[in-house]
Amino acid sequence: MKQLTKAFLISILSLGGISGCSSLSPFKVAILQGNIIEDKDVEQLAKGLTKDQVQYLLGTPLLNSPIHQNRWDYFYSVKVGETVIGEKKLSLSFDTNQRLDTWVLEETAFENN
């Protein structure tokens, strides 16, 4: 009878300790997708850079369309579980001499729920 009482008390205390936790959800790993676009790398972009120099700074573009050979697109996304934390989109345009002409960086930050 004493063993049954001890087992009952241990299980009650264990359940009480577990229910005291605010959340029992599993740990969610941050998932980084695409090319990591850092501000320091974008600041180094300058009009007139060659495609090789741009690729050295930013890596291989995510989208290099054969239809739009003078445009490169980079995309970077951070996601935790099903929640998107932030996104960056960088579009680069090259002139007819394959030199960097213009670029546009779009950043989107989402609220944590």
PDB file of N, CA and C in Angstrom:
ATOM      1  N   MET A   1       0.820  -1.185   0.000  1.00  0.00           N
ATOM      2  CA  MET A   1       0.000   0.000   0.000  1.00  0.00           C
ATOM      3  C   MET A   1       0.869   1.257   0.000  1.00  0.00           C
ATOM      4  N   LYS A   2       2.018   1.186   0.751  1.00  0.00           N
ATOM      5  CA  LYS A   2       2.913   2.336   0.790  1.00  0.00           C
ATOM      6  C   LYS A   2       3.514   2.613  -0.582  1.00  0.00           C
ATOM      7  N   GLN A   3       3.839   1.549  -1.329  1.00  0.00           N
ATOM      8  CA  GLN A   3       4.423   1.735  -2.657  1.00  0.00           C
ATOM      9  C   GLN A   3       3.408   2.364  -3.609  1.00  0.00           C
ATOM     10  N   LEU A   4       2.160   1.965  -3.499  1.00  0.00           N
ATOM     11  CA  LEU A   4       1.105   2.532  -4.330  1.00  0.00           C
ATOM     12  C   LEU A   4       0.910   4.016  -4.004  1.00  0.00           C
ATOM     13  N   THR A   5       0.980   4.380  -2.747  1.00  0.00           N
ATOM     14  CA  THR A   5       0.833   5.774  -2.324  1.00  0.00           C
ATOM     15  C   THR A   5       2.023   6.606  -2.826  1.00  0.00           C
ATOM     16  N   LYS A   6       3.235   6.070  -2.724  1.00  0.00           N
ATOM     17  CA  LYS A   6       4.425   6.770  -3.211  1.00  0.00           C
ATOM     18  C   LYS A   6       4.334   6.978  -4.719  1.00  0.00           C
ATOM     19  N   ALA A   7       3.952   5.953  -5.451  1.00  0.00           N
ATOM     20  CA  ALA A   7       3.840   6.064  -6.902  1.00  0.00           C
ATOM     21  C   ALA A   7       2.789   7.092  -7.285  1.00  0.00           C
ATOM     22  N   PHE A   8       1.678   7.107  -6.542  1.00  0.00           N
ATOM     23  CA  PHE A   8       0.607   8.069  -6.806  1.00  0.00           C
ATOM     24  C   PHE A   8       1.095   9.495  -6.544  1.00  0.00           C
ATOM     25  N   LEU A   9       1.782   9.702  -5.427  1.00  0.00           N
ATOM     26  CA  LEU A   9       2.294  11.029  -5.098  1.00  0.00           C
ATOM     27  C   LEU A   9       3.339  11.491  -6.115  1.00  0.00           C
ATOM     28  N   ILE A  10       4.213  10.604  -6.521  1.00  0.00           N
ATOM     29  CA  ILE A  10       5.245  10.957  -7.513  1.00  0.00           C
ATOM     30  C   ILE A  10       4.597  11.349  -8.839  1.00  0.00           C
ATOM     31  N   SER A  11       3.600  10.582  -9.267  1.00  0.00           N
ATOM     32  CA  SER A  11       2.938  10.914 -10.534  1.00  0.00           C
ATOM     33  C   SER A  11       2.181  12.236 -10.433  1.00  0.00           C
ATOM     34  N   ILE A  12       1.530  12.513  -9.297  1.00  0.00           N
ATOM     35  CA  ILE A  12       0.812  13.778  -9.113  1.00  0.00           C
ATOM     36  C   ILE A  12       1.793  14.949  -9.125  1.00  0.00           C
ATOM     37  N   LEU A  13       2.916  14.809  -8.431  1.00  0.00           N
ATOM     38  CA  LEU A  13       3.923  15.873  -8.403  1.00  0.00           C
ATOM     39  C   LEU A  13       4.544  16.084  -9.782  1.00  0.00           C
ATOM     40  N   SER A  14       4.777  15.018 -10.492  1.00  0.00           N
ATOM     41  CA  SER A  14       5.332  15.129 -11.844  1.00  0.00           C
ATOM     42  C   SER A  14       4.377  15.858 -12.765  1.00  0.00           C
ATOM     43  N   LEU A  15       3.115  15.493 -12.733  1.00  0.00           N
ATOM     44  CA  LEU A  15       2.119  16.166 -13.567  1.00  0.00           C
ATOM     45  C   LEU A  15       1.970  17.628 -13.170  1.00  0.00           C
ATOM     46  N   GLY A  16       2.052  17.899 -11.886  1.00  0.00           N
ATOM     47  CA  GLY A  16       1.978  19.284 -11.423  1.00  0.00           C
ATOM     48  C   GLY A  16       3.154  20.108 -11.925  1.00  0.00           C
ATOM     49  N   GLY A  17       4.327  19.511 -11.921  1.00  0.00           N
ATOM     50  CA  GLY A  17       5.515  20.207 -12.428  1.00  0.00           C
ATOM     51  C   GLY A  17       5.448  20.457 -13.916  1.00  0.00           C
ATOM     52  N   ILE A  18       4.944  19.472 -14.651  1.00  0.00           N
ATOM     53  CA  ILE A  18       4.823  19.625 -16.095  1.00  0.00           C
ATOM     54  C   ILE A  18       3.769  20.672 -16.453  1.00  0.00           C
ATOM     55  N   SER A  19       2.641  20.649 -15.751  1.00  0.00           N
ATOM     56  CA  SER A  19       1.576  21.601 -16.062  1.00  0.00           C
ATOM     57  C   SER A  19       1.973  23.026 -15.686  1.00  0.00           C
ATOM     58  N   GLY A  20       2.969  23.185 -14.842  1.00  0.00           N
ATOM     59  CA  GLY A  20       3.457  24.508 -14.487  1.00  0.00           C
ATOM     60  C   GLY A  20       4.252  25.157 -15.604  1.00  0.00           C
ATOM     61  N   CYS A  21       4.716  24.370 -16.550  1.00  0.00           N
ATOM     62  CA  CYS A  21       5.440  24.920 -17.691  1.00  0.00           C
ATOM     63  C   CYS A  21       4.462  25.672 -18.586  1.00  0.00           C
ATOM     64  N   SER A  22       4.885  26.821 -19.083  1.00  0.00           N
ATOM     65  CA  SER A  22       3.986  27.638 -19.901  1.00  0.00           C
ATOM     66  C   SER A  22       3.765  27.029 -21.279  1.00  0.00           C
ATOM     67  N   SER A  23       4.760  26.336 -21.785  1.00  0.00           N
ATOM     68  CA  SER A  23       4.618  25.784 -23.130  1.00  0.00           C
ATOM     69  C   SER A  23       5.414  24.493 -23.248  1.00  0.00           C
ATOM     70  N   LEU A  24       4.817  23.517 -23.842  1.00  0.00           N
ATOM     71  CA  LEU A  24       5.512  22.256 -24.077  1.00  0.00           C
ATOM     72  C   LEU A  24       5.740  22.027 -25.564  1.00  0.00           C
ATOM     73  N   SER A  25       5.773  23.111 -26.335  1.00  0.00           N
ATOM     74  CA  SER A  25       5.983  22.959 -27.775  1.00  0.00           C
ATOM     75  C   SER A  25       7.445  22.623 -28.048  1.00  0.00           C
ATOM     76  N   PRO A  26       7.702  21.896 -29.105  1.00  0.00           N
ATOM     77  CA  PRO A  26       9.074  21.507 -29.416  1.00  0.00           C
ATOM     78  C   PRO A  26       9.895  22.710 -29.885  1.00  0.00           C
ATOM     79  N   PHE A  27      11.202  22.598 -29.764  1.00  0.00           N
ATOM     80  CA  PHE A  27      12.117  23.642 -30.223  1.00  0.00           C
ATOM     81  C   PHE A  27      12.046  23.731 -31.743  1.00  0.00           C
ATOM     82  N   LYS A  28      11.965  24.942 -32.271  1.00  0.00           N
ATOM     83  CA  LYS A  28      11.893  25.142 -33.714  1.00  0.00           C
ATOM     84  C   LYS A  28      13.172  25.827 -34.177  1.00  0.00           C
ATOM     85  N   VAL A  29      13.802  25.236 -35.154  1.00  0.00           N
ATOM     86  CA  VAL A  29      15.065  25.731 -35.678  1.00  0.00           C
ATOM     87  C   VAL A  29      14.800  26.805 -36.728  1.00  0.00           C
ATOM     88  N   ALA A  30      15.611  27.861 -36.711  1.00  0.00           N
ATOM     89  CA  ALA A  30      15.512  28.895 -37.740  1.00  0.00           C
ATOM     90  C   ALA A  30      16.032  28.324 -39.057  1.00  0.00           C
ATOM     91  N   ILE A  31      15.270  28.501 -40.117  1.00  0.00           N
ATOM     92  CA  ILE A  31      15.642  28.001 -41.435  1.00  0.00           C
ATOM     93  C   ILE A  31      16.004  29.194 -42.312  1.00  0.00           C
ATOM     94  N   LEU A  32      17.237  29.210 -42.792  1.00  0.00           N
ATOM     95  CA  LEU A  32      17.722  30.265 -43.667  1.00  0.00           C
ATOM     96  C   LEU A  32      17.700  29.737 -45.096  1.00  0.00           C
ATOM     97  N   GLN A  33      17.046  30.462 -45.995  1.00  0.00           N
ATOM     98  CA  GLN A  33      16.952  30.003 -47.376  1.00  0.00           C
ATOM     99  C   GLN A  33      17.460  31.081 -48.312  1.00  0.00           C
ATOM    100  N   GLY A  34      18.107  30.658 -49.372  1.00  0.00           N
ATOM    101  CA  GLY A  34      18.587  31.584 -50.388  1.00  0.00           C
ATOM    102  C   GLY A  34      19.995  32.051 -50.088  1.00  0.00           C
ATOM    103  N   ASN A  35      20.368  33.175 -50.704  1.00  0.00           N
ATOM    104  CA  ASN A  35      21.671  33.784 -50.507  1.00  0.00           C
ATOM    105  C   ASN A  35      21.587  34.728 -49.311  1.00  0.00           C
ATOM    106  N   ILE A  36      22.541  34.625 -48.400  1.00  0.00           N
ATOM    107  CA  ILE A  36      22.565  35.541 -47.267  1.00  0.00           C
ATOM    108  C   ILE A  36      22.974  36.908 -47.797  1.00  0.00           C
ATOM    109  N   ILE A  37      22.075  37.874 -47.665  1.00  0.00           N
ATOM    110  CA  ILE A  37      22.319  39.237 -48.146  1.00  0.00           C
ATOM    111  C   ILE A  37      22.594  40.109 -46.934  1.00  0.00           C
ATOM    112  N   GLU A  38      23.849  40.505 -46.774  1.00  0.00           N
ATOM    113  CA  GLU A  38      24.234  41.349 -45.648  1.00  0.00           C
ATOM    114  C   GLU A  38      24.399  42.786 -46.126  1.00  0.00           C
ATOM    115  N   ASP A  39      24.071  43.722 -45.231  1.00  0.00           N
ATOM    116  CA  ASP A  39      24.149  45.143 -45.575  1.00  0.00           C
ATOM    117  C   ASP A  39      25.559  45.544 -46.004  1.00  0.00           C
ATOM    118  N   LYS A  40      26.568  44.984 -45.352  1.00  0.00           N
ATOM    119  CA  LYS A  40      27.957  45.340 -45.688  1.00  0.00           C
ATOM    120  C   LYS A  40      28.308  44.940 -47.120  1.00  0.00           C
ATOM    121  N   ASP A  41      27.717  43.847 -47.614  1.00  0.00           N
ATOM    122  CA  ASP A  41      27.970  43.421 -48.990  1.00  0.00           C
ATOM    123  C   ASP A  41      27.244  44.320 -49.989  1.00  0.00           C
ATOM    124  N   VAL A  42      26.007  44.711 -49.655  1.00  0.00           N
ATOM    125  CA  VAL A  42      25.241  45.590 -50.538  1.00  0.00           C
ATOM    126  C   VAL A  42      25.908  46.961 -50.613  1.00  0.00           C
ATOM    127  N   GLU A  43      26.479  47.423 -49.495  1.00  0.00           N
ATOM    128  CA  GLU A  43      27.173  48.715 -49.481  1.00  0.00           C
ATOM    129  C   GLU A  43      28.401  48.717 -50.381  1.00  0.00           C
ATOM    130  N   GLN A  44      28.979  47.553 -50.662  1.00  0.00           N
ATOM    131  CA  GLN A  44      30.161  47.465 -51.519  1.00  0.00           C
ATOM    132  C   GLN A  44      29.805  47.462 -53.003  1.00  0.00           C
ATOM    133  N   LEU A  45      28.525  47.325 -53.313  1.00  0.00           N
ATOM    134  CA  LEU A  45      28.120  47.375 -54.716  1.00  0.00           C
ATOM    135  C   LEU A  45      28.367  48.774 -55.263  1.00  0.00           C
ATOM    136  N   ALA A  46      28.874  48.831 -56.480  1.00  0.00           N
ATOM    137  CA  ALA A  46      29.139  50.109 -57.131  1.00  0.00           C
ATOM    138  C   ALA A  46      28.859  49.967 -58.618  1.00  0.00           C
ATOM    139  N   LYS A  47      28.367  51.025 -59.194  1.00  0.00           N
ATOM    140  CA  LYS A  47      28.077  51.019 -60.618  1.00  0.00           C
ATOM    141  C   LYS A  47      29.373  50.756 -61.385  1.00  0.00           C
ATOM    142  N   GLY A  48      29.309  49.842 -62.342  1.00  0.00           N
ATOM    143  CA  GLY A  48      30.480  49.529 -63.154  1.00  0.00           C
ATOM    144  C   GLY A  48      31.177  48.237 -62.778  1.00  0.00           C
ATOM    145  N   LEU A  49      30.767  47.582 -61.688  1.00  0.00           N
ATOM    146  CA  LEU A  49      31.372  46.295 -61.324  1.00  0.00           C
ATOM    147  C   LEU A  49      31.047  45.249 -62.381  1.00  0.00           C
ATOM    148  N   THR A  50      31.970  44.335 -62.608  1.00  0.00           N
ATOM    149  CA  THR A  50      31.718  43.237 -63.551  1.00  0.00           C
ATOM    150  C   THR A  50      30.848  42.183 -62.884  1.00  0.00           C
ATOM    151  N   LYS A  51      30.313  41.278 -63.682  1.00  0.00           N
ATOM    152  CA  LYS A  51      29.495  40.193 -63.129  1.00  0.00           C
ATOM    153  C   LYS A  51      30.324  39.307 -62.207  1.00  0.00           C
ATOM    154  N   ASP A  52      31.585  39.093 -62.553  1.00  0.00           N
ATOM    155  CA  ASP A  52      32.459  38.284 -61.692  1.00  0.00           C
ATOM    156  C   ASP A  52      32.678  38.949 -60.335  1.00  0.00           C
ATOM    157  N   GLN A  53      32.846  40.266 -60.326  1.00  0.00           N
ATOM    158  CA  GLN A  53      33.040  40.979 -59.065  1.00  0.00           C
ATOM    159  C   GLN A  53      31.776  40.926 -58.203  1.00  0.00           C
ATOM    160  N   VAL A  54      30.621  41.071 -58.841  1.00  0.00           N
ATOM    161  CA  VAL A  54      29.358  40.986 -58.112  1.00  0.00           C
ATOM    162  C   VAL A  54      29.171  39.585 -57.545  1.00  0.00           C
ATOM    163  N   GLN A  55      29.487  38.581 -58.347  1.00  0.00           N
ATOM    164  CA  GLN A  55      29.344  37.202 -57.889  1.00  0.00           C
ATOM    165  C   GLN A  55      30.310  36.914 -56.740  1.00  0.00           C
ATOM    166  N   TYR A  56      31.479  37.515 -56.749  1.00  0.00           N
ATOM    167  CA  TYR A  56      32.432  37.350 -55.647  1.00  0.00           C
ATOM    168  C   TYR A  56      31.854  37.938 -54.350  1.00  0.00           C
ATOM    169  N   LEU A  57      31.189  39.095 -54.459  1.00  0.00           N
ATOM    170  CA  LEU A  57      30.600  39.746 -53.280  1.00  0.00           C
ATOM    171  C   LEU A  57      29.386  39.009 -52.742  1.00  0.00           C
ATOM    172  N   LEU A  58      28.471  38.620 -53.638  1.00  0.00           N
ATOM    173  CA  LEU A  58      27.158  38.120 -53.226  1.00  0.00           C
ATOM    174  C   LEU A  58      26.939  36.629 -53.442  1.00  0.00           C
ATOM    175  N   GLY A  59      27.802  35.989 -54.179  1.00  0.00           N
ATOM    176  CA  GLY A  59      27.603  34.579 -54.495  1.00  0.00           C
ATOM    177  C   GLY A  59      26.803  34.421 -55.777  1.00  0.00           C
ATOM    178  N   THR A  60      26.515  33.191 -56.119  1.00  0.00           N
ATOM    179  CA  THR A  60      25.759  32.891 -57.332  1.00  0.00           C
ATOM    180  C   THR A  60      24.309  33.351 -57.162  1.00  0.00           C
ATOM    181  N   PRO A  61      23.770  34.055 -58.154  1.00  0.00           N
ATOM    182  CA  PRO A  61      22.386  34.529 -58.017  1.00  0.00           C
ATOM    183  C   PRO A  61      21.402  33.370 -57.986  1.00  0.00           C
ATOM    184  N   LEU A  62      20.313  33.577 -57.263  1.00  0.00           N
ATOM    185  CA  LEU A  62      19.270  32.570 -57.173  1.00  0.00           C
ATOM    186  C   LEU A  62      18.557  32.424 -58.510  1.00  0.00           C
ATOM    187  N   LEU A  63      18.354  33.546 -59.176  1.00  0.00           N
ATOM    188  CA  LEU A  63      17.666  33.522 -60.460  1.00  0.00           C
ATOM    189  C   LEU A  63      18.531  34.222 -61.490  1.00  0.00           C
ATOM    190  N   ASN A  64      18.914  33.481 -62.505  1.00  0.00           N
ATOM    191  CA  ASN A  64      19.711  34.007 -63.603  1.00  0.00           C
ATOM    192  C   ASN A  64      19.016  33.541 -64.880  1.00  0.00           C
ATOM    193  N   SER A  65      18.040  34.297 -65.312  1.00  0.00           N
ATOM    194  CA  SER A  65      17.178  33.900 -66.419  1.00  0.00           C
ATOM    195  C   SER A  65      17.883  34.049 -67.754  1.00  0.00           C
ATOM    196  N   PRO A  66      17.764  33.040 -68.636  1.00  0.00           N
ATOM    197  CA  PRO A  66      18.327  33.174 -69.982  1.00  0.00           C
ATOM    198  C   PRO A  66      17.564  34.215 -70.809  1.00  0.00           C
ATOM    199  N   ILE A  67      16.341  34.509 -70.419  1.00  0.00           N
ATOM    200  CA  ILE A  67      15.550  35.514 -71.133  1.00  0.00           C
ATOM    201  C   ILE A  67      16.019  36.920 -70.753  1.00  0.00           C
ATOM    202  N   HIS A  68      16.283  37.129 -69.465  1.00  0.00           N
ATOM    203  CA  HIS A  68      16.759  38.422 -68.965  1.00  0.00           C
ATOM    204  C   HIS A  68      18.212  38.269 -68.534  1.00  0.00           C
ATOM    205  N   GLN A  69      19.116  38.204 -69.495  1.00  0.00           N
ATOM    206  CA  GLN A  69      20.523  37.950 -69.190  1.00  0.00           C
ATOM    207  C   GLN A  69      21.191  39.108 -68.459  1.00  0.00           C
ATOM    208  N   ASN A  70      20.601  40.282 -68.511  1.00  0.00           N
ATOM    209  CA  ASN A  70      21.191  41.447 -67.849  1.00  0.00           C
ATOM    210  C   ASN A  70      20.571  41.706 -66.477  1.00  0.00           C
ATOM    211  N   ARG A  71      19.895  40.710 -65.919  1.00  0.00           N
ATOM    212  CA  ARG A  71      19.283  40.865 -64.592  1.00  0.00           C
ATOM    213  C   ARG A  71      19.609  39.652 -63.734  1.00  0.00           C
ATOM    214  N   TRP A  72      20.037  39.911 -62.513  1.00  0.00           N
ATOM    215  CA  TRP A  72      20.270  38.866 -61.527  1.00  0.00           C
ATOM    216  C   TRP A  72      19.388  39.147 -60.331  1.00  0.00           C
ATOM    217  N   ASP A  73      18.835  38.093 -59.735  1.00  0.00           N
ATOM    218  CA  ASP A  73      17.988  38.229 -58.557  1.00  0.00           C
ATOM    219  C   ASP A  73      18.511  37.354 -57.429  1.00  0.00           C
ATOM    220  N   TYR A  74      18.551  37.944 -56.248  1.00  0.00           N
ATOM    221  CA  TYR A  74      18.946  37.247 -55.031  1.00  0.00           C
ATOM    222  C   TYR A  74      17.770  37.289 -54.064  1.00  0.00           C
ATOM    223  N   PHE A  75      17.593  36.219 -53.294  1.00  0.00           N
ATOM    224  CA  PHE A  75      16.507  36.140 -52.327  1.00  0.00           C
ATOM    225  C   PHE A  75      17.031  35.500 -51.058  1.00  0.00           C
ATOM    226  N   TYR A  76      16.601  36.046 -49.920  1.00  0.00           N
ATOM    227  CA  TYR A  76      17.017  35.514 -48.618  1.00  0.00           C
ATOM    228  C   TYR A  76      15.817  35.533 -47.687  1.00  0.00           C
ATOM    229  N   SER A  77      15.564  34.417 -47.023  1.00  0.00           N
ATOM    230  CA  SER A  77      14.406  34.297 -46.142  1.00  0.00           C
ATOM    231  C   SER A  77      14.810  33.605 -44.847  1.00  0.00           C
ATOM    232  N   VAL A  78      14.242  34.089 -43.717  1.00  0.00           N
ATOM    233  CA  VAL A  78      14.451  33.465 -42.413  1.00  0.00           C
ATOM    234  C   VAL A  78      13.088  33.039 -41.902  1.00  0.00           C
ATOM    235  N   LYS A  79      12.979  31.751 -41.574  1.00  0.00           N
ATOM    236  CA  LYS A  79      11.705  31.179 -41.164  1.00  0.00           C
ATOM    237  C   LYS A  79      11.935  30.319 -39.919  1.00  0.00           C
ATOM    238  N   VAL A  80      11.036  30.450 -38.934  1.00  0.00           N
ATOM    239  CA  VAL A  80      11.076  29.605 -37.737  1.00  0.00           C
ATOM    240  C   VAL A  80       9.746  28.875 -37.681  1.00  0.00           C
ATOM    241  N   GLY A  81       9.794  27.558 -37.842  1.00  0.00           N
ATOM    242  CA  GLY A  81       8.559  26.783 -37.925  1.00  0.00           C
ATOM    243  C   GLY A  81       7.798  27.205 -39.170  1.00  0.00           C
ATOM    244  N   GLU A  82       6.558  27.631 -39.000  1.00  0.00           N
ATOM    245  CA  GLU A  82       5.751  28.115 -40.111  1.00  0.00           C
ATOM    246  C   GLU A  82       5.752  29.645 -40.195  1.00  0.00           C
ATOM    247  N   THR A  83       6.464  30.310 -39.290  1.00  0.00           N
ATOM    248  CA  THR A  83       6.466  31.765 -39.223  1.00  0.00           C
ATOM    249  C   THR A  83       7.660  32.345 -39.971  1.00  0.00           C
ATOM    250  N   VAL A  84       7.396  33.207 -40.937  1.00  0.00           N
ATOM    251  CA  VAL A  84       8.461  33.896 -41.665  1.00  0.00           C
ATOM    252  C   VAL A  84       8.864  35.117 -40.839  1.00  0.00           C
ATOM    253  N   ILE A  85      10.152  35.209 -40.513  1.00  0.00           N
ATOM    254  CA  ILE A  85      10.671  36.299 -39.689  1.00  0.00           C
ATOM    255  C   ILE A  85      11.046  37.502 -40.561  1.00  0.00           C
ATOM    256  N   GLY A  86      11.664  37.245 -41.697  1.00  0.00           N
ATOM    257  CA  GLY A  86      12.069  38.336 -42.584  1.00  0.00           C
ATOM    258  C   GLY A  86      12.483  37.835 -43.942  1.00  0.00           C
ATOM    259  N   GLU A  87      12.444  38.734 -44.919  1.00  0.00           N
ATOM    260  CA  GLU A  87      12.847  38.413 -46.286  1.00  0.00           C
ATOM    261  C   GLU A  87      13.613  39.600 -46.870  1.00  0.00           C
ATOM    262  N   LYS A  88      14.559  39.277 -47.736  1.00  0.00           N
ATOM    263  CA  LYS A  88      15.284  40.306 -48.489  1.00  0.00           C
ATOM    264  C   LYS A  88      15.306  39.877 -49.951  1.00  0.00           C
ATOM    265  N   LYS A  89      15.032  40.826 -50.830  1.00  0.00           N
ATOM    266  CA  LYS A  89      15.085  40.584 -52.271  1.00  0.00           C
ATOM    267  C   LYS A  89      16.001  41.638 -52.878  1.00  0.00           C
ATOM    268  N   LEU A  90      16.982  41.184 -53.630  1.00  0.00           N
ATOM    269  CA  LEU A  90      17.933  42.080 -54.273  1.00  0.00           C
ATOM    270  C   LEU A  90      17.919  41.807 -55.771  1.00  0.00           C
ATOM    271  N   SER A  91      17.618  42.831 -56.548  1.00  0.00           N
ATOM    272  CA  SER A  91      17.607  42.716 -58.009  1.00  0.00           C
ATOM    273  C   SER A  91      18.703  43.611 -58.565  1.00  0.00           C
ATOM    274  N   LEU A  92      19.535  43.033 -59.430  1.00  0.00           N
ATOM    275  CA  LEU A  92      20.627  43.779 -60.042  1.00  0.00           C
ATOM    276  C   LEU A  92      20.435  43.804 -61.553  1.00  0.00           C
ATOM    277  N   SER A  93      20.716  44.942 -62.149  1.00  0.00           N
ATOM    278  CA  SER A  93      20.639  45.086 -63.604  1.00  0.00           C
ATOM    279  C   SER A  93      22.013  45.455 -64.133  1.00  0.00           C
ATOM    280  N   PHE A  94      22.377  44.844 -65.243  1.00  0.00           N
ATOM    281  CA  PHE A  94      23.660  45.093 -65.886  1.00  0.00           C
ATOM    282  C   PHE A  94      23.419  45.782 -67.222  1.00  0.00           C
ATOM    283  N   ASP A  95      24.392  46.601 -67.636  1.00  0.00           N
ATOM    284  CA  ASP A  95      24.266  47.282 -68.926  1.00  0.00           C
ATOM    285  C   ASP A  95      24.730  46.361 -70.054  1.00  0.00           C
ATOM    286  N   THR A  96      24.784  46.874 -71.258  1.00  0.00           N
ATOM    287  CA  THR A  96      25.147  46.047 -72.424  1.00  0.00           C
ATOM    288  C   THR A  96      26.606  45.592 -72.380  1.00  0.00           C
ATOM    289  N   ASN A  97      27.440  46.256 -71.573  1.00  0.00           N
ATOM    290  CA  ASN A  97      28.847  45.859 -71.425  1.00  0.00           C
ATOM    291  C   ASN A  97      29.048  44.892 -70.262  1.00  0.00           C
ATOM    292  N   GLN A  98      27.941  44.334 -69.731  1.00  0.00           N
ATOM    293  CA  GLN A  98      27.977  43.385 -68.613  1.00  0.00           C
ATOM    294  C   GLN A  98      28.546  44.012 -67.347  1.00  0.00           C
ATOM    295  N   ARG A  99      28.294  45.312 -67.160  1.00  0.00           N
ATOM    296  CA  ARG A  99      28.711  46.034 -65.965  1.00  0.00           C
ATOM    297  C   ARG A  99      27.474  46.377 -65.141  1.00  0.00           C
ATOM    298  N   LEU A 100      27.627  46.363 -63.807  1.00  0.00           N
ATOM    299  CA  LEU A 100      26.509  46.654 -62.919  1.00  0.00           C
ATOM    300  C   LEU A 100      26.007  48.073 -63.170  1.00  0.00           C
ATOM    301  N   ASP A 101      24.707  48.201 -63.382  1.00  0.00           N
ATOM    302  CA  ASP A 101      24.103  49.491 -63.672  1.00  0.00           C
ATOM    303  C   ASP A 101      23.252  49.975 -62.496  1.00  0.00           C
ATOM    304  N   THR A 102      22.245  49.187 -62.101  1.00  0.00           N
ATOM    305  CA  THR A 102      21.373  49.568 -60.992  1.00  0.00           C
ATOM    306  C   THR A 102      21.069  48.346 -60.124  1.00  0.00           C
ATOM    307  N   TRP A 103      20.639  48.607 -58.894  1.00  0.00           N
ATOM    308  CA  TRP A 103      20.216  47.536 -57.996  1.00  0.00           C
ATOM    309  C   TRP A 103      19.159  48.077 -57.045  1.00  0.00           C
ATOM    310  N   VAL A 104      18.272  47.166 -56.644  1.00  0.00           N
ATOM    311  CA  VAL A 104      17.181  47.502 -55.733  1.00  0.00           C
ATOM    312  C   VAL A 104      17.129  46.433 -54.655  1.00  0.00           C
ATOM    313  N   LEU A 105      17.131  46.871 -53.385  1.00  0.00           N
ATOM    314  CA  LEU A 105      17.028  45.961 -52.244  1.00  0.00           C
ATOM    315  C   LEU A 105      15.692  46.197 -51.564  1.00  0.00           C
ATOM    316  N   GLU A 106      14.898  45.137 -51.435  1.00  0.00           N
ATOM    317  CA  GLU A 106      13.619  45.197 -50.726  1.00  0.00           C
ATOM    318  C   GLU A 106      13.731  44.325 -49.484  1.00  0.00           C
ATOM    319  N   GLU A 107      13.441  44.917 -48.333  1.00  0.00           N
ATOM    320  CA  GLU A 107      13.477  44.175 -47.074  1.00  0.00           C
ATOM    321  C   GLU A 107      12.081  44.165 -46.467  1.00  0.00           C
ATOM    322  N   THR A 108      11.685  42.991 -45.994  1.00  0.00           N
ATOM    323  CA  THR A 108      10.394  42.838 -45.321  1.00  0.00           C
ATOM    324  C   THR A 108      10.634  42.152 -43.996  1.00  0.00           C
ATOM    325  N   ALA A 109      10.197  42.796 -42.923  1.00  0.00           N
ATOM    326  CA  ALA A 109      10.284  42.193 -41.589  1.00  0.00           C
ATOM    327  C   ALA A 109       8.878  41.886 -41.118  1.00  0.00           C
ATOM    328  N   PHE A 110       8.667  40.687 -40.618  1.00  0.00           N
ATOM    329  CA  PHE A 110       7.368  40.254 -40.139  1.00  0.00           C
ATOM    330  C   PHE A 110       7.395  40.227 -38.631  1.00  0.00           C
ATOM    331  N   GLU A 111       6.242  40.473 -38.025  1.00  0.00           N
ATOM    332  CA  GLU A 111       6.131  40.454 -36.564  1.00  0.00           C
ATOM    333  C   GLU A 111       6.157  39.018 -36.057  1.00  0.00           C
ATOM    334  N   ASN A 112       6.776  38.834 -34.895  1.00  0.00           N
ATOM    335  CA  ASN A 112       6.749  37.516 -34.240  1.00  0.00           C
ATOM    336  C   ASN A 112       5.428  37.348 -33.510  1.00  0.00           C
ATOM    337  N   ASN A 113       4.773  36.244 -33.744  1.00  0.00           N
ATOM    338  CA  ASN A 113       3.493  35.974 -33.069  1.00  0.00           C
ATOM    339  C   ASN A 113       3.712  35.067 -31.900  1.00  0.00           C
TER     340      ASN A 113
END
